C-alpha atoms as a PDB file:
ATOM      1  CA  MET A   1      82.878 123.658  42.583  1.00  0.00           C
ATOM      2  CA  ILE A   2      84.518 123.732  39.168  1.00  0.00           C
ATOM      3  CA  PRO A   3      83.504 120.756  36.975  1.00  0.00           C
ATOM      4  CA  SER A   4      86.287 118.408  35.917  1.00  0.00           C
ATOM      5  CA  PRO A   5      87.647 119.096  32.445  1.00  0.00           C
ATOM      6  CA  ARG A   6      87.085 116.493  29.731  1.00  0.00           C
ATOM      7  CA  LEU A   7      89.986 115.300  27.600  1.00  0.00           C
ATOM      8  CA  ASP A   8      89.246 116.497  24.085  1.00  0.00           C
ATOM      9  CA  THR A   9      92.380 116.273  21.913  1.00  0.00           C
ATOM     10  CA  ILE A  10      95.723 114.483  21.927  1.00  0.00           C
ATOM     11  CA  VAL A  11      98.379 116.358  19.954  1.00  0.00           C
ATOM     12  CA  LEU A  12     101.399 114.512  18.594  1.00  0.00           C
ATOM     13  CA  PRO A  13     104.318 116.701  17.543  1.00  0.00           C
ATOM     14  CA  CYS A  14     105.768 115.491  14.226  1.00  0.00           C
ATOM     15  CA  THR A  15     109.058 115.952  12.451  1.00  0.00           C
ATOM     16  CA  ASP A  16     107.481 114.642   9.227  1.00  0.00           C
ATOM     17  CA  LEU A  17     103.841 115.720   9.238  1.00  0.00           C
ATOM     18  CA  ALA A  18     103.044 114.277   5.796  1.00  0.00           C
ATOM     19  CA  ARG A  19     104.357 110.825   6.748  1.00  0.00           C
ATOM     20  CA  GLN A  20     102.450 110.823  10.047  1.00  0.00           C
ATOM     21  CA  ARG A  21      99.256 112.000   8.306  1.00  0.00           C
ATOM     22  CA  ALA A  22      99.505 109.177   5.772  1.00  0.00           C
ATOM     23  CA  PHE A  23     100.188 106.638   8.529  1.00  0.00           C
ATOM     24  CA  TYR A  24      97.196 107.611  10.687  1.00  0.00           C
ATOM     25  CA  GLU A  25      94.858 108.027   7.727  1.00  0.00           C
ATOM     26  CA  ARG A  26      95.797 104.517   6.606  1.00  0.00           C
ATOM     27  CA  ILE A  27      95.482 102.735   9.943  1.00  0.00           C
ATOM     28  CA  LEU A  28      92.428 104.628  11.225  1.00  0.00           C
ATOM     29  CA  GLU A  29      90.719 104.516   7.809  1.00  0.00           C
ATOM     30  CA  VAL A  30      89.407 108.018   8.356  1.00  0.00           C
ATOM     31  CA  LYS A  31      90.072 111.280   6.546  1.00  0.00           C
ATOM     32  CA  PRO A  32      91.203 114.289   8.566  1.00  0.00           C
ATOM     33  CA  GLY A  33      88.367 116.416   9.928  1.00  0.00           C
ATOM     34  CA  PHE A  34      90.519 119.531   9.597  1.00  0.00           C
ATOM     35  CA  GLU A  35      93.946 120.342   8.252  1.00  0.00           C
ATOM     36  CA  ARG A  36      96.277 123.181   7.445  1.00  0.00           C
ATOM     37  CA  ALA A  37      99.988 123.295   6.558  1.00  0.00           C
ATOM     38  CA  ASP A  38     101.183 122.625  10.139  1.00  0.00           C
ATOM     39  CA  TRP A  39      98.202 120.745  11.646  1.00  0.00           C
ATOM     40  CA  VAL A  40      96.086 117.684  10.843  1.00  0.00           C
ATOM     41  CA  ARG A  41      93.167 116.576  13.033  1.00  0.00           C
ATOM     42  CA  PHE A  42      91.328 113.254  13.011  1.00  0.00           C
ATOM     43  CA  ASP A  43      87.920 113.138  14.712  1.00  0.00           C
ATOM     44  CA  LEU A  44      87.577 109.851  16.599  1.00  0.00           C
ATOM     45  CA  GLY A  45      84.231 110.007  18.349  1.00  0.00           C
ATOM     46  CA  HIS A  46      84.619 111.768  21.703  1.00  0.00           C
ATOM     47  CA  ILE A  47      88.282 112.586  21.213  1.00  0.00           C
ATOM     48  CA  ARG A  48      90.427 114.052  18.492  1.00  0.00           C
ATOM     49  CA  LEU A  49      93.935 113.056  17.467  1.00  0.00           C
ATOM     50  CA  ALA A  50      95.913 115.974  16.099  1.00  0.00           C
ATOM     51  CA  LEU A  51      99.296 115.973  14.405  1.00  0.00           C
ATOM     52  CA  ARG A  52     101.307 119.179  14.671  1.00  0.00           C
ATOM     53  CA  ALA A  53     104.502 120.013  12.843  1.00  0.00           C
ATOM     54  CA  ARG A  54     107.531 120.653  15.032  1.00  0.00           C
ATOM     55  CA  GLY A  55     109.358 123.946  14.735  1.00  0.00           C
ATOM     56  CA  ASP A  56     107.610 126.498  16.944  1.00  0.00           C
ATOM     57  CA  ALA A  57     107.757 127.535  20.611  1.00  0.00           C
ATOM     58  CA  LEU A  58     105.491 124.702  21.765  1.00  0.00           C
ATOM     59  CA  PHE A  59     107.291 121.946  19.903  1.00  0.00           C
ATOM     60  CA  PRO A  60     110.858 122.906  18.962  1.00  0.00           C
ATOM     61  CA  ARG A  61     112.462 121.213  15.980  1.00  0.00           C
ATOM     62  CA  ALA A  62     114.468 118.719  18.078  1.00  0.00           C
ATOM     63  CA  ALA A  63     112.416 115.589  18.655  1.00  0.00           C
ATOM     64  CA  GLY A  64     111.602 114.816  22.264  1.00  0.00           C
ATOM     65  CA  GLY A  65     110.314 111.605  23.746  1.00  0.00           C
ATOM     66  CA  GLY A  66     107.264 109.890  22.367  1.00  0.00           C
ATOM     67  CA  VAL A  67     103.855 109.358  23.911  1.00  0.00           C
ATOM     68  CA  GLN A  68     101.513 106.424  24.301  1.00  0.00           C
ATOM     69  CA  PHE A  69      97.798 106.616  23.693  1.00  0.00           C
ATOM     70  CA  SER A  70      95.203 103.862  23.883  1.00  0.00           C
ATOM     71  CA  LEU A  71      92.260 102.992  21.661  1.00  0.00           C
ATOM     72  CA  ARG A  72      89.558 100.683  23.014  1.00  0.00           C
ATOM     73  CA  VAL A  73      88.025  98.125  20.658  1.00  0.00           C
ATOM     74  CA  ALA A  74      84.854  96.109  21.202  1.00  0.00           C
ATOM     75  CA  ASP A  75      86.188  92.613  21.857  1.00  0.00           C
ATOM     76  CA  ARG A  76      88.892  89.972  21.298  1.00  0.00           C
ATOM     77  CA  ASP A  77      87.851  89.318  17.708  1.00  0.00           C
ATOM     78  CA  GLU A  78      88.167  92.979  16.793  1.00  0.00           C
ATOM     79  CA  LEU A  79      91.548  93.183  18.533  1.00  0.00           C
ATOM     80  CA  ASP A  80      92.749  90.154  16.585  1.00  0.00           C
ATOM     81  CA  ARG A  81      91.539  91.755  13.325  1.00  0.00           C
ATOM     82  CA  TRP A  82      93.517  94.887  14.203  1.00  0.00           C
ATOM     83  CA  HIS A  83      96.586  92.769  14.886  1.00  0.00           C
ATOM     84  CA  ARG A  84      96.356  91.071  11.476  1.00  0.00           C
ATOM     85  CA  ARG A  85      95.706  94.401   9.799  1.00  0.00           C
ATOM     86  CA  LEU A  86      98.756  96.035  11.382  1.00  0.00           C
ATOM     87  CA  LEU A  87     100.986  93.103  10.447  1.00  0.00           C
ATOM     88  CA  THR A  88      99.665  93.099   6.870  1.00  0.00           C
ATOM     89  CA  ALA A  89     100.337  96.851   6.643  1.00  0.00           C
ATOM     90  CA  ARG A  90     103.884  96.247   7.945  1.00  0.00           C
ATOM     91  CA  ILE A  91     103.343  98.442  10.964  1.00  0.00           C
ATOM     92  CA  ALA A  92     105.724  97.786  13.852  1.00  0.00           C
ATOM     93  CA  VAL A  93     103.876  95.626  16.376  1.00  0.00           C
ATOM     94  CA  LEU A  94     105.805  95.949  19.627  1.00  0.00           C
ATOM     95  CA  GLU A  95     103.773  93.334  21.503  1.00  0.00           C
ATOM     96  CA  PRO A  96     101.041  91.065  20.093  1.00  0.00           C
ATOM     97  CA  PRO A  97      97.666  90.794  21.868  1.00  0.00           C
ATOM     98  CA  THR A  98      98.414  89.762  25.430  1.00  0.00           C
ATOM     99  CA  GLU A  99      96.190  89.401  28.490  1.00  0.00           C
ATOM    100  CA  LYS A 100      97.156  91.914  31.155  1.00  0.00           C
ATOM    101  CA  PRO A 101      96.621  91.541  34.917  1.00  0.00           C
ATOM    102  CA  TRP A 102      94.569  94.762  34.987  1.00  0.00           C
ATOM    103  CA  GLY A 103      91.772  93.167  32.962  1.00  0.00           C
ATOM    104  CA  HIS A 104      92.632  94.119  29.380  1.00  0.00           C
ATOM    105  CA  ARG A 105      93.869  92.248  26.354  1.00  0.00           C
ATOM    106  CA  THR A 106      96.263  94.677  24.698  1.00  0.00           C
ATOM    107  CA  LEU A 107      98.523  94.977  21.695  1.00  0.00           C
ATOM    108  CA  TYR A 108     101.152  97.664  21.281  1.00  0.00           C
ATOM    109  CA  ALA A 109     102.298  99.148  17.973  1.00  0.00           C
ATOM    110  CA  SER A 110     104.515 102.045  16.984  1.00  0.00           C
ATOM    111  CA  ASP A 111     103.973 104.896  14.552  1.00  0.00           C
ATOM    112  CA  PRO A 112     106.809 106.078  12.280  1.00  0.00           C
ATOM    113  CA  GLU A 113     108.056 108.582  14.878  1.00  0.00           C
ATOM    114  CA  GLY A 114     108.116 106.153  17.807  1.00  0.00           C
ATOM    115  CA  ASN A 115     104.826 106.970  19.522  1.00  0.00           C
ATOM    116  CA  VAL A 116     103.157 103.910  21.031  1.00  0.00           C
ATOM    117  CA  ILE A 117      99.604 103.005  20.104  1.00  0.00           C
ATOM    118  CA  ALA A 118      97.885 100.597  22.486  1.00  0.00           C
ATOM    119  CA  LEU A 119      94.785  98.840  21.184  1.00  0.00           C
ATOM    120  CA  TYR A 120      92.858  96.947  23.818  1.00  0.00           C
ATOM    121  CA  CYS A 121      89.614  95.281  24.802  1.00  0.00           C
ATOM    122  CA  ASP A 122      88.214  94.519  28.221  1.00  0.00           C
ATOM    123  CA  LEU A 123      88.504  90.889  29.313  1.00  0.00           C
ATOM    124  CA  LYS A 124      85.158  89.326  30.132  1.00  0.00           C
ATOM    125  CA  ARG A 125      85.565  87.532  33.464  1.00  0.00           C
END
């Protein structure tokens, strides 16, 4: 039996790589672990978030639809701190922290290119 693969990296295609790099460096408060002219990678524990410039065979210049990715935080207090931080940084908060029927408290924000970032914590029941 072949073992299941483990998700390692999420790659976001970018029309403005410098703007996206500055955005993620600012909100994640982490420097890139690797970068070159067309690629920036942030190491986030067990997963990496990579930004890749559009304009090649994998990601043509024309922007396609966005993606959503989720980041788990420890608890309600940390989620509320993130919410205040995003608002203070004038980042588009699409939905403030809200309890969801699937057992999470989640907030949704948007990056400059329209990708959705979900930050959530598990509800203690």
